[in-house]
Amino acid sequence: MGDLMNTNLADARTASPASENSPQSKATGRWSQGIEWTAFLWIGLVHVGALAAPWCFTWTGLFLALALSWITAGLGVCLGYHRLLTHSSFETYPVIRKFLAWCGMLAGEGPPIMWVANHRKHHQYSDHPGDPHSPNDGPWWSHILWMFPRHKSDEWARLYGQYTPDLLREGFMRFLNRSFLWWQLFVAVLCFSAGWLIGGLPMAVSLLVYGMFVRLVYGMHATWLVNSATHMWGYRNFDINDNSRNLWWVALLTYGEGWHNNHHAQQRSARHGMRWWELDLTWITICCMRGMGLAWNVVEPSVPKTPVSQE
């Protein structure tokens, strides 16, 4: 996947915005170029590794999985990839911006340029032709299958050139593209080594399985549920031109990302949970950062905090 993400980044900086030729844009012929084997094997390996979890359970391993899930999926994907890099919901110091992007990459869902490009395209075409992962094309397509069709390098270059020209100008983001898989290996070795020092081989295997594979499977499927479940089930606070829904149990799994109808109605808002009971841990984190002087220009909803239901 690292090589895939690095495809024609230089060309992407000057590519024309031909969205009709971008990946996942056509409703037919998705599999005409075969399977993206790098992505398929990477996601398959992660799931196979997680199958060992019942045989190597330790409380230390479980704690490590939960802690790293918050750092990589919570801080990395929800806070960094989504609210900061994709939507510019707040500003922070460059070193924190890079740290959050690095944490997001460790969630295993792809480097920031790819993740942000697909998500920005999703917002442009949400539940309409051109959406990379709409349940209108099938629930399993929106959840996982959309990542597996193979696309030519010039298609990726056009996607990046159109949707992430800002990130392409950042050398650190291009570095994360090139080194994506190497960082996953680094975390795996680190988990195994720490376990070996703590409790020998059994603990090493436990920390590897839980700190790496179980954590990644949880983070991946939690994020993918936002693409699939919150466009199929739940309630709507806002009557907008897509099928986005608010789904409480997805919000709990994703640190507040499941208030998806709220988000689609106010895309740049750093706050997704708008009713008093819509718990949004990522928003709470942003408020804490703002209180410590680590976040500023925080975008808040331009509608009342308790929106009137449209249904």
C-alpha atoms as a PDB file:
ATOM      1  CA  MET A   1       0.000   0.000   0.000  1.00  0.00           C
ATOM      2  CA  GLY A   2       2.933   2.321   0.575  1.00  0.00           C
ATOM      3  CA  ASP A   3       3.954   2.053  -3.080  1.00  0.00           C
ATOM      4  CA  LEU A   4       0.355   2.561  -4.128  1.00  0.00           C
ATOM      5  CA  MET A   5       0.064   5.764  -2.108  1.00  0.00           C
ATOM      6  CA  ASN A   6       3.315   7.048  -3.595  1.00  0.00           C
ATOM      7  CA  THR A   7       2.070   6.586  -7.159  1.00  0.00           C
ATOM      8  CA  ASN A   8       2.679   9.642  -9.310  1.00  0.00           C
ATOM      9  CA  LEU A   9       2.597  12.150  -6.458  1.00  0.00           C
ATOM     10  CA  ALA A  10       4.728  14.488  -8.491  1.00  0.00           C
ATOM     11  CA  ASP A  11       2.357  14.220 -11.448  1.00  0.00           C
ATOM     12  CA  ALA A  12      -0.608  14.800  -9.171  1.00  0.00           C
ATOM     13  CA  ARG A  13       0.539  18.313  -8.363  1.00  0.00           C
ATOM     14  CA  THR A  14      -0.152  19.370 -11.939  1.00  0.00           C
ATOM     15  CA  ALA A  15      -2.990  16.999 -12.790  1.00  0.00           C
ATOM     16  CA  SER A  16      -6.218  18.410 -14.180  1.00  0.00           C
ATOM     17  CA  PRO A  17      -9.364  18.071 -12.043  1.00  0.00           C
ATOM     18  CA  ALA A  18     -10.964  15.405 -14.217  1.00  0.00           C
ATOM     19  CA  SER A  19     -13.155  13.918 -11.518  1.00  0.00           C
ATOM     20  CA  GLU A  20     -15.009  11.690 -13.952  1.00  0.00           C
ATOM     21  CA  ASN A  21     -11.805   9.685 -14.348  1.00  0.00           C
ATOM     22  CA  SER A  22     -10.934   9.576 -10.644  1.00  0.00           C
ATOM     23  CA  PRO A  23     -10.996   6.308  -8.670  1.00  0.00           C
ATOM     24  CA  GLN A  24     -14.401   4.950  -7.678  1.00  0.00           C
ATOM     25  CA  SER A  25     -16.195   7.536  -9.813  1.00  0.00           C
ATOM     26  CA  LYS A  26     -17.904   5.203 -12.288  1.00  0.00           C
ATOM     27  CA  ALA A  27     -20.829   3.043 -11.286  1.00  0.00           C
ATOM     28  CA  THR A  28     -19.887   0.328 -13.762  1.00  0.00           C
ATOM     29  CA  GLY A  29     -16.696  -1.518 -14.542  1.00  0.00           C
ATOM     30  CA  ARG A  30     -15.267  -1.162 -11.050  1.00  0.00           C
ATOM     31  CA  TRP A  31     -13.409  -4.449 -11.272  1.00  0.00           C
ATOM     32  CA  SER A  32     -12.297  -4.103 -14.886  1.00  0.00           C
ATOM     33  CA  GLN A  33      -8.664  -3.549 -13.848  1.00  0.00           C
ATOM     34  CA  GLY A  34      -8.634  -6.315 -11.264  1.00  0.00           C
ATOM     35  CA  ILE A  35      -7.967  -6.206  -7.528  1.00  0.00           C
ATOM     36  CA  GLU A  36      -5.689  -3.823  -5.668  1.00  0.00           C
ATOM     37  CA  TRP A  37      -3.682  -6.634  -4.138  1.00  0.00           C
ATOM     38  CA  THR A  38      -1.597  -4.466  -1.827  1.00  0.00           C
ATOM     39  CA  ALA A  39      -4.688  -3.156  -0.049  1.00  0.00           C
ATOM     40  CA  PHE A  40      -6.385  -6.559  -0.131  1.00  0.00           C
ATOM     41  CA  LEU A  41      -3.417  -8.398   1.372  1.00  0.00           C
ATOM     42  CA  TRP A  42      -2.774  -5.713   3.984  1.00  0.00           C
ATOM     43  CA  ILE A  43      -6.375  -5.685   5.250  1.00  0.00           C
ATOM     44  CA  GLY A  44      -6.529  -9.486   5.028  1.00  0.00           C
ATOM     45  CA  LEU A  45      -3.323  -9.869   7.059  1.00  0.00           C
ATOM     46  CA  VAL A  46      -4.655  -7.601   9.789  1.00  0.00           C
ATOM     47  CA  HIS A  47      -7.868  -9.630  10.094  1.00  0.00           C
ATOM     48  CA  VAL A  48      -6.070 -12.975  10.083  1.00  0.00           C
ATOM     49  CA  GLY A  49      -3.741 -11.748  12.829  1.00  0.00           C
ATOM     50  CA  ALA A  50      -6.697 -10.699  14.983  1.00  0.00           C
ATOM     51  CA  LEU A  51      -8.090 -14.252  14.881  1.00  0.00           C
ATOM     52  CA  ALA A  52      -5.383 -15.266  17.375  1.00  0.00           C
ATOM     53  CA  ALA A  53      -6.829 -12.949  20.048  1.00  0.00           C
ATOM     54  CA  PRO A  54      -8.757 -15.607  22.077  1.00  0.00           C
ATOM     55  CA  TRP A  55      -5.617 -17.718  22.495  1.00  0.00           C
ATOM     56  CA  CYS A  56      -3.265 -14.987  23.703  1.00  0.00           C
ATOM     57  CA  PHE A  57      -5.472 -12.739  25.830  1.00  0.00           C
ATOM     58  CA  THR A  58      -3.883 -10.702  28.602  1.00  0.00           C
ATOM     59  CA  TRP A  59      -5.226  -7.649  30.398  1.00  0.00           C
ATOM     60  CA  THR A  60      -2.041  -5.844  29.464  1.00  0.00           C
ATOM     61  CA  GLY A  61      -2.673  -6.591  25.815  1.00  0.00           C
ATOM     62  CA  LEU A  62      -6.277  -5.396  26.042  1.00  0.00           C
ATOM     63  CA  PHE A  63      -5.221  -2.182  27.781  1.00  0.00           C
ATOM     64  CA  LEU A  64      -2.599  -1.582  25.099  1.00  0.00           C
ATOM     65  CA  ALA A  65      -5.184  -2.086  22.344  1.00  0.00           C
ATOM     66  CA  LEU A  66      -7.581   0.404  23.957  1.00  0.00           C
ATOM     67  CA  ALA A  67      -4.867   2.995  24.595  1.00  0.00           C
ATOM     68  CA  LEU A  68      -3.406   2.757  21.103  1.00  0.00           C
ATOM     69  CA  SER A  69      -6.903   2.835  19.591  1.00  0.00           C
ATOM     70  CA  TRP A  70      -7.485   6.215  21.195  1.00  0.00           C
ATOM     71  CA  ILE A  71      -4.122   7.506  20.000  1.00  0.00           C
ATOM     72  CA  THR A  72      -4.315   6.203  16.423  1.00  0.00           C
ATOM     73  CA  ALA A  73      -8.054   6.094  15.645  1.00  0.00           C
ATOM     74  CA  GLY A  74      -9.241   8.786  18.062  1.00  0.00           C
ATOM     75  CA  LEU A  75      -6.481  11.382  17.905  1.00  0.00           C
ATOM     76  CA  GLY A  76      -5.112  10.252  14.548  1.00  0.00           C
ATOM     77  CA  VAL A  77      -8.114   9.574  12.324  1.00  0.00           C
ATOM     78  CA  CYS A  78     -11.063  11.351  13.973  1.00  0.00           C
ATOM     79  CA  LEU A  79      -9.209  14.427  15.211  1.00  0.00           C
ATOM     80  CA  GLY A  80      -6.266  14.583  12.799  1.00  0.00           C
ATOM     81  CA  TYR A  81      -7.281  13.096   9.461  1.00  0.00           C
ATOM     82  CA  HIS A  82     -10.920  14.140   9.619  1.00  0.00           C
ATOM     83  CA  ARG A  83     -11.528  17.327  11.538  1.00  0.00           C
ATOM     84  CA  LEU A  84      -8.100  18.908  11.028  1.00  0.00           C
ATOM     85  CA  LEU A  85      -6.709  17.786   7.655  1.00  0.00           C
ATOM     86  CA  THR A  86      -9.946  17.155   5.737  1.00  0.00           C
ATOM     87  CA  HIS A  87     -12.186  19.940   7.009  1.00  0.00           C
ATOM     88  CA  SER A  88      -9.817  22.455   8.651  1.00  0.00           C
ATOM     89  CA  SER A  89     -12.163  22.623  11.635  1.00  0.00           C
ATOM     90  CA  PHE A  90      -9.411  24.175  13.749  1.00  0.00           C
ATOM     91  CA  GLU A  91      -5.795  25.264  13.548  1.00  0.00           C
ATOM     92  CA  THR A  92      -2.853  24.108  15.601  1.00  0.00           C
ATOM     93  CA  TYR A  93       0.925  24.234  15.649  1.00  0.00           C
ATOM     94  CA  PRO A  94       2.748  22.560  12.714  1.00  0.00           C
ATOM     95  CA  VAL A  95       4.417  20.016  15.002  1.00  0.00           C
ATOM     96  CA  ILE A  96       1.030  18.952  16.420  1.00  0.00           C
ATOM     97  CA  ARG A  97      -0.450  18.805  12.918  1.00  0.00           C
ATOM     98  CA  LYS A  98       2.349  16.459  11.870  1.00  0.00           C
ATOM     99  CA  PHE A  99       2.006  14.383  15.031  1.00  0.00           C
ATOM    100  CA  LEU A 100      -1.746  13.903  14.478  1.00  0.00           C
ATOM    101  CA  ALA A 101      -1.153  12.956  10.828  1.00  0.00           C
ATOM    102  CA  TRP A 102       1.467  10.423  11.934  1.00  0.00           C
ATOM    103  CA  CYS A 103      -0.922   8.964  14.516  1.00  0.00           C
ATOM    104  CA  GLY A 104      -3.643   8.683  11.870  1.00  0.00           C
ATOM    105  CA  MET A 105      -1.317   6.802   9.554  1.00  0.00           C
ATOM    106  CA  LEU A 106      -0.670   4.277  12.350  1.00  0.00           C
ATOM    107  CA  ALA A 107      -4.392   3.422  12.306  1.00  0.00           C
ATOM    108  CA  GLY A 108      -3.643   1.411   9.156  1.00  0.00           C
ATOM    109  CA  GLU A 109      -6.342   2.999   6.973  1.00  0.00           C
ATOM    110  CA  GLY A 110      -3.894   4.543   4.546  1.00  0.00           C
ATOM    111  CA  PRO A 111      -1.696   7.639   4.617  1.00  0.00           C
ATOM    112  CA  PRO A 112      -3.244  11.095   4.920  1.00  0.00           C
ATOM    113  CA  ILE A 113      -3.193  12.108   1.254  1.00  0.00           C
ATOM    114  CA  MET A 114      -5.241   9.094   0.194  1.00  0.00           C
ATOM    115  CA  TRP A 115      -7.613   9.197   3.168  1.00  0.00           C
ATOM    116  CA  VAL A 116      -8.352  12.905   2.862  1.00  0.00           C
ATOM    117  CA  ALA A 117      -8.760  12.786  -0.939  1.00  0.00           C
ATOM    118  CA  ASN A 118     -11.382  10.052  -0.746  1.00  0.00           C
ATOM    119  CA  HIS A 119     -13.220  11.726   2.104  1.00  0.00           C
ATOM    120  CA  ARG A 120     -13.368  15.119   0.419  1.00  0.00           C
ATOM    121  CA  LYS A 121     -14.707  13.414  -2.690  1.00  0.00           C
ATOM    122  CA  HIS A 122     -17.295  11.642  -0.563  1.00  0.00           C
ATOM    123  CA  HIS A 123     -18.580  14.977   0.693  1.00  0.00           C
ATOM    124  CA  GLN A 124     -18.770  16.398  -2.814  1.00  0.00           C
ATOM    125  CA  TYR A 125     -20.899  13.512  -4.131  1.00  0.00           C
ATOM    126  CA  SER A 126     -22.422  12.093  -0.941  1.00  0.00           C
ATOM    127  CA  ASP A 127     -24.904   9.336  -1.869  1.00  0.00           C
ATOM    128  CA  HIS A 128     -24.910  10.466  -5.499  1.00  0.00           C
ATOM    129  CA  PRO A 129     -22.984   9.158  -8.531  1.00  0.00           C
ATOM    130  CA  GLY A 130     -19.293   9.697  -7.872  1.00  0.00           C
ATOM    131  CA  ASP A 131     -19.414   8.941  -4.131  1.00  0.00           C
ATOM    132  CA  PRO A 132     -16.556   6.482  -3.461  1.00  0.00           C
ATOM    133  CA  HIS A 133     -18.520   4.538  -0.846  1.00  0.00           C
ATOM    134  CA  SER A 134     -22.291   5.032  -0.839  1.00  0.00           C
ATOM    135  CA  PRO A 135     -24.613   2.308   0.506  1.00  0.00           C
ATOM    136  CA  ASN A 136     -26.705   3.032  -2.591  1.00  0.00           C
ATOM    137  CA  ASP A 137     -24.181   0.742  -4.288  1.00  0.00           C
ATOM    138  CA  GLY A 138     -24.601  -1.912  -1.584  1.00  0.00           C
ATOM    139  CA  PRO A 139     -23.878  -1.987   2.163  1.00  0.00           C
ATOM    140  CA  TRP A 140     -20.768  -4.150   1.805  1.00  0.00           C
ATOM    141  CA  TRP A 141     -19.476  -1.919  -0.969  1.00  0.00           C
ATOM    142  CA  SER A 142     -19.721   1.132   1.294  1.00  0.00           C
ATOM    143  CA  HIS A 143     -18.222  -0.718   4.255  1.00  0.00           C
ATOM    144  CA  ILE A 144     -15.141  -2.387   2.757  1.00  0.00           C
ATOM    145  CA  LEU A 145     -15.336  -3.506  -0.880  1.00  0.00           C
ATOM    146  CA  TRP A 146     -14.848  -0.017  -2.338  1.00  0.00           C
ATOM    147  CA  MET A 147     -11.165  -0.156  -1.371  1.00  0.00           C
ATOM    148  CA  PHE A 148     -10.309  -3.248  -3.397  1.00  0.00           C
ATOM    149  CA  PRO A 149     -10.776  -2.418  -7.118  1.00  0.00           C
ATOM    150  CA  ARG A 150      -7.473  -1.584  -8.797  1.00  0.00           C
ATOM    151  CA  HIS A 151      -6.933   1.844 -10.377  1.00  0.00           C
ATOM    152  CA  LYS A 152      -4.249   3.156 -12.663  1.00  0.00           C
ATOM    153  CA  SER A 153      -1.573   5.459 -11.372  1.00  0.00           C
ATOM    154  CA  ASP A 154      -2.831   8.394 -13.431  1.00  0.00           C
ATOM    155  CA  GLU A 155      -6.296   7.976 -11.867  1.00  0.00           C
ATOM    156  CA  TRP A 156      -4.801   8.284  -8.393  1.00  0.00           C
ATOM    157  CA  ALA A 157      -2.754  11.260  -9.553  1.00  0.00           C
ATOM    158  CA  ARG A 158      -5.884  13.039 -10.751  1.00  0.00           C
ATOM    159  CA  LEU A 159      -7.710  12.239  -7.511  1.00  0.00           C
ATOM    160  CA  TYR A 160      -4.877  13.664  -5.411  1.00  0.00           C
ATOM    161  CA  GLY A 161      -4.405  16.657  -7.696  1.00  0.00           C
ATOM    162  CA  GLN A 162      -8.054  17.604  -7.459  1.00  0.00           C
ATOM    163  CA  TYR A 163      -8.838  16.903  -3.821  1.00  0.00           C
ATOM    164  CA  THR A 164      -5.571  17.240  -1.871  1.00  0.00           C
ATOM    165  CA  PRO A 165      -3.343  19.867  -3.551  1.00  0.00           C
ATOM    166  CA  ASP A 166      -2.771  21.396  -0.107  1.00  0.00           C
ATOM    167  CA  LEU A 167      -1.396  18.150   1.340  1.00  0.00           C
ATOM    168  CA  LEU A 168       0.710  17.450  -1.748  1.00  0.00           C
ATOM    169  CA  ARG A 169       2.627  20.649  -1.003  1.00  0.00           C
ATOM    170  CA  GLU A 170       3.639  19.323   2.422  1.00  0.00           C
ATOM    171  CA  GLY A 171       6.805  17.262   2.347  1.00  0.00           C
ATOM    172  CA  PHE A 172       5.914  15.454   5.571  1.00  0.00           C
ATOM    173  CA  MET A 173       2.612  14.224   4.120  1.00  0.00           C
ATOM    174  CA  ARG A 174       4.409  12.903   1.039  1.00  0.00           C
ATOM    175  CA  PHE A 175       6.903  11.187   3.365  1.00  0.00           C
ATOM    176  CA  LEU A 176       4.039   9.429   5.168  1.00  0.00           C
ATOM    177  CA  ASN A 177       2.741   8.255   1.796  1.00  0.00           C
ATOM    178  CA  ARG A 178       6.081   6.673   0.941  1.00  0.00           C
ATOM    179  CA  SER A 179       6.647   5.073   4.345  1.00  0.00           C
ATOM    180  CA  PHE A 180       3.143   3.863   5.282  1.00  0.00           C
ATOM    181  CA  LEU A 181       3.853   0.125   5.541  1.00  0.00           C
ATOM    182  CA  TRP A 182       7.249   0.619   7.171  1.00  0.00           C
ATOM    183  CA  TRP A 183       5.607   2.424  10.094  1.00  0.00           C
ATOM    184  CA  GLN A 184       3.155  -0.447  10.548  1.00  0.00           C
ATOM    185  CA  LEU A 185       6.112  -2.824  10.777  1.00  0.00           C
ATOM    186  CA  PHE A 186       7.776  -0.486  13.268  1.00  0.00           C
ATOM    187  CA  VAL A 187       4.744  -0.583  15.592  1.00  0.00           C
ATOM    188  CA  ALA A 188       4.506  -4.378  15.312  1.00  0.00           C
ATOM    189  CA  VAL A 189       8.176  -4.801  16.256  1.00  0.00           C
ATOM    190  CA  LEU A 190       7.783  -2.300  19.096  1.00  0.00           C
ATOM    191  CA  CYS A 191       4.784  -4.151  20.551  1.00  0.00           C
ATOM    192  CA  PHE A 192       6.522  -7.517  20.302  1.00  0.00           C
ATOM    193  CA  SER A 193       9.755  -6.203  21.828  1.00  0.00           C
ATOM    194  CA  ALA A 194       7.978  -4.503  24.732  1.00  0.00           C
ATOM    195  CA  GLY A 195       6.057  -7.695  25.466  1.00  0.00           C
ATOM    196  CA  TRP A 196       9.245  -9.753  25.379  1.00  0.00           C
ATOM    197  CA  LEU A 197      10.882  -7.457  27.929  1.00  0.00           C
ATOM    198  CA  ILE A 198       7.810  -7.528  30.183  1.00  0.00           C
ATOM    199  CA  GLY A 199       6.941 -11.220  30.148  1.00  0.00           C
ATOM    200  CA  GLY A 200       8.802 -13.229  27.563  1.00  0.00           C
ATOM    201  CA  LEU A 201       7.351 -14.833  24.460  1.00  0.00           C
ATOM    202  CA  PRO A 202       3.713 -15.233  25.657  1.00  0.00           C
ATOM    203  CA  MET A 203       3.459 -11.540  26.529  1.00  0.00           C
ATOM    204  CA  ALA A 204       5.257 -10.582  23.315  1.00  0.00           C
ATOM    205  CA  VAL A 205       2.674 -12.450  21.233  1.00  0.00           C
ATOM    206  CA  SER A 206      -0.190 -10.974  23.264  1.00  0.00           C
ATOM    207  CA  LEU A 207       1.000  -7.390  22.836  1.00  0.00           C
ATOM    208  CA  LEU A 208       1.604  -7.965  19.133  1.00  0.00           C
ATOM    209  CA  VAL A 209      -1.857  -9.429  18.532  1.00  0.00           C
ATOM    210  CA  TYR A 210      -3.766  -6.922  20.657  1.00  0.00           C
ATOM    211  CA  GLY A 211      -1.618  -3.829  20.195  1.00  0.00           C
ATOM    212  CA  MET A 212      -1.404  -4.340  16.452  1.00  0.00           C
ATOM    213  CA  PHE A 213      -4.048  -6.594  14.911  1.00  0.00           C
ATOM    214  CA  VAL A 214      -7.006  -6.281  17.309  1.00  0.00           C
ATOM    215  CA  ARG A 215      -6.493  -2.523  17.500  1.00  0.00           C
ATOM    216  CA  LEU A 216      -6.371  -2.158  13.723  1.00  0.00           C
ATOM    217  CA  VAL A 217      -9.446  -4.311  13.106  1.00  0.00           C
ATOM    218  CA  TYR A 218     -11.424  -2.309  15.657  1.00  0.00           C
ATOM    219  CA  GLY A 219     -10.332   1.054  14.264  1.00  0.00           C
ATOM    220  CA  MET A 220     -10.902   0.066  10.655  1.00  0.00           C
ATOM    221  CA  HIS A 221     -14.404  -1.291  11.123  1.00  0.00           C
ATOM    222  CA  ALA A 222     -15.419   1.563  13.416  1.00  0.00           C
ATOM    223  CA  THR A 223     -14.396   4.056  10.729  1.00  0.00           C
ATOM    224  CA  TRP A 224     -16.018   2.012   7.977  1.00  0.00           C
ATOM    225  CA  LEU A 225     -19.302   1.973   9.938  1.00  0.00           C
ATOM    226  CA  VAL A 226     -19.434   5.730   9.458  1.00  0.00           C
ATOM    227  CA  ASN A 227     -19.315   5.128   5.695  1.00  0.00           C
ATOM    228  CA  SER A 228     -21.945   2.396   5.753  1.00  0.00           C
ATOM    229  CA  ALA A 229     -24.189   2.294   8.844  1.00  0.00           C
ATOM    230  CA  THR A 230     -24.610   6.051   9.312  1.00  0.00           C
ATOM    231  CA  HIS A 231     -25.848   6.356   5.731  1.00  0.00           C
ATOM    232  CA  MET A 232     -28.470   3.639   6.312  1.00  0.00           C
ATOM    233  CA  TRP A 233     -29.795   3.808   9.894  1.00  0.00           C
ATOM    234  CA  GLY A 234     -30.448   6.442  12.518  1.00  0.00           C
ATOM    235  CA  TYR A 235     -32.221   9.767  12.821  1.00  0.00           C
ATOM    236  CA  ARG A 236     -31.763  13.119  11.110  1.00  0.00           C
ATOM    237  CA  ASN A 237     -31.559  16.528  12.742  1.00  0.00           C
ATOM    238  CA  PHE A 238     -31.164  18.259   9.370  1.00  0.00           C
ATOM    239  CA  ASP A 239     -32.945  17.786   6.066  1.00  0.00           C
ATOM    240  CA  ILE A 240     -30.046  17.726   3.597  1.00  0.00           C
ATOM    241  CA  ASN A 241     -29.490  16.234   0.161  1.00  0.00           C
ATOM    242  CA  ASP A 242     -27.984  12.897   1.168  1.00  0.00           C
ATOM    243  CA  ASN A 243     -28.781   9.882   3.352  1.00  0.00           C
ATOM    244  CA  SER A 244     -26.524  10.730   6.306  1.00  0.00           C
ATOM    245  CA  ARG A 245     -27.891   9.754   9.721  1.00  0.00           C
ATOM    246  CA  ASN A 246     -27.022  10.158  13.387  1.00  0.00           C
ATOM    247  CA  LEU A 247     -26.382   6.757  14.968  1.00  0.00           C
ATOM    248  CA  TRP A 248     -25.587   6.676  18.678  1.00  0.00           C
ATOM    249  CA  TRP A 249     -23.724   3.380  18.836  1.00  0.00           C
ATOM    250  CA  VAL A 250     -21.442   4.333  15.938  1.00  0.00           C
ATOM    251  CA  ALA A 251     -20.772   7.647  17.708  1.00  0.00           C
ATOM    252  CA  LEU A 252     -19.685   5.728  20.819  1.00  0.00           C
ATOM    253  CA  LEU A 253     -17.379   3.488  18.796  1.00  0.00           C
ATOM    254  CA  THR A 254     -15.838   6.398  16.866  1.00  0.00           C
ATOM    255  CA  TYR A 255     -15.333   9.085  19.506  1.00  0.00           C
ATOM    256  CA  GLY A 256     -18.220  11.182  18.151  1.00  0.00           C
ATOM    257  CA  GLU A 257     -18.008  10.602  14.401  1.00  0.00           C
ATOM    258  CA  GLY A 258     -21.361   8.796  14.320  1.00  0.00           C
ATOM    259  CA  TRP A 259     -23.345  12.051  14.545  1.00  0.00           C
ATOM    260  CA  HIS A 260     -23.012  12.000  10.798  1.00  0.00           C
ATOM    261  CA  ASN A 261     -26.090  13.922   9.725  1.00  0.00           C
ATOM    262  CA  ASN A 262     -24.976  16.795  11.953  1.00  0.00           C
ATOM    263  CA  HIS A 263     -21.557  16.652  10.336  1.00  0.00           C
ATOM    264  CA  HIS A 264     -22.850  16.616   6.770  1.00  0.00           C
ATOM    265  CA  ALA A 265     -25.102  19.574   7.546  1.00  0.00           C
ATOM    266  CA  GLN A 266     -22.189  21.575   9.030  1.00  0.00           C
ATOM    267  CA  GLN A 267     -19.123  19.989   7.443  1.00  0.00           C
ATOM    268  CA  ARG A 268     -16.476  22.365   8.791  1.00  0.00           C
ATOM    269  CA  SER A 269     -17.827  22.386  12.318  1.00  0.00           C
ATOM    270  CA  ALA A 270     -15.425  20.941  14.868  1.00  0.00           C
ATOM    271  CA  ARG A 271     -18.443  19.895  16.911  1.00  0.00           C
ATOM    272  CA  HIS A 272     -20.446  16.938  15.612  1.00  0.00           C
ATOM    273  CA  GLY A 273     -22.626  16.169  18.625  1.00  0.00           C
ATOM    274  CA  MET A 274     -25.053  19.105  18.705  1.00  0.00           C
ATOM    275  CA  ARG A 275     -27.736  17.972  21.132  1.00  0.00           C
ATOM    276  CA  TRP A 276     -26.796  17.862  24.808  1.00  0.00           C
ATOM    277  CA  TRP A 277     -26.854  14.081  24.865  1.00  0.00           C
ATOM    278  CA  GLU A 278     -24.885  13.571  21.631  1.00  0.00           C
ATOM    279  CA  LEU A 279     -21.563  12.694  23.256  1.00  0.00           C
ATOM    280  CA  ASP A 280     -18.620  13.801  21.110  1.00  0.00           C
ATOM    281  CA  LEU A 281     -15.269  12.884  22.655  1.00  0.00           C
ATOM    282  CA  THR A 282     -13.323  14.373  19.759  1.00  0.00           C
ATOM    283  CA  TRP A 283     -15.040  17.729  20.300  1.00  0.00           C
ATOM    284  CA  ILE A 284     -14.196  17.524  24.020  1.00  0.00           C
ATOM    285  CA  THR A 285     -10.568  16.899  23.045  1.00  0.00           C
ATOM    286  CA  ILE A 286     -10.573  19.969  20.784  1.00  0.00           C
ATOM    287  CA  CYS A 287     -12.024  22.059  23.633  1.00  0.00           C
ATOM    288  CA  CYS A 288      -9.240  20.825  25.921  1.00  0.00           C
ATOM    289  CA  MET A 289      -6.652  21.690  23.287  1.00  0.00           C
ATOM    290  CA  ARG A 290      -8.159  25.160  22.899  1.00  0.00           C
ATOM    291  CA  GLY A 291      -8.085  25.652  26.652  1.00  0.00           C
ATOM    292  CA  MET A 292      -4.379  24.796  26.687  1.00  0.00           C
ATOM    293  CA  GLY A 293      -3.622  27.109  23.759  1.00  0.00           C
ATOM    294  CA  LEU A 294      -2.988  24.197  21.372  1.00  0.00           C
ATOM    295  CA  ALA A 295      -5.968  24.868  19.082  1.00  0.00           C
ATOM    296  CA  TRP A 296      -7.442  28.091  17.743  1.00  0.00           C
ATOM    297  CA  ASN A 297      -9.818  29.335  15.039  1.00  0.00           C
ATOM    298  CA  VAL A 298     -12.105  26.479  16.072  1.00  0.00           C
ATOM    299  CA  VAL A 299     -15.130  26.341  13.776  1.00  0.00           C
ATOM    300  CA  GLU A 300     -18.384  25.958  15.714  1.00  0.00           C
ATOM    301  CA  PRO A 301     -21.835  25.178  14.280  1.00  0.00           C
ATOM    302  CA  SER A 302     -23.586  28.068  12.587  1.00  0.00           C
ATOM    303  CA  VAL A 303     -26.914  26.681  13.792  1.00  0.00           C
ATOM    304  CA  PRO A 304     -28.394  26.454  17.306  1.00  0.00           C
ATOM    305  CA  LYS A 305     -26.692  23.894  19.534  1.00  0.00           C
ATOM    306  CA  THR A 306     -30.043  22.101  19.842  1.00  0.00           C
ATOM    307  CA  PRO A 307     -31.192  21.790  16.213  1.00  0.00           C
ATOM    308  CA  VAL A 308     -34.829  21.340  15.344  1.00  0.00           C
ATOM    309  CA  SER A 309     -35.494  17.930  13.824  1.00  0.00           C
ATOM    310  CA  GLN A 310     -36.572  17.982  10.214  1.00  0.00           C
ATOM    311  CA  GLU A 311     -38.331  14.631  10.401  1.00  0.00           C
END
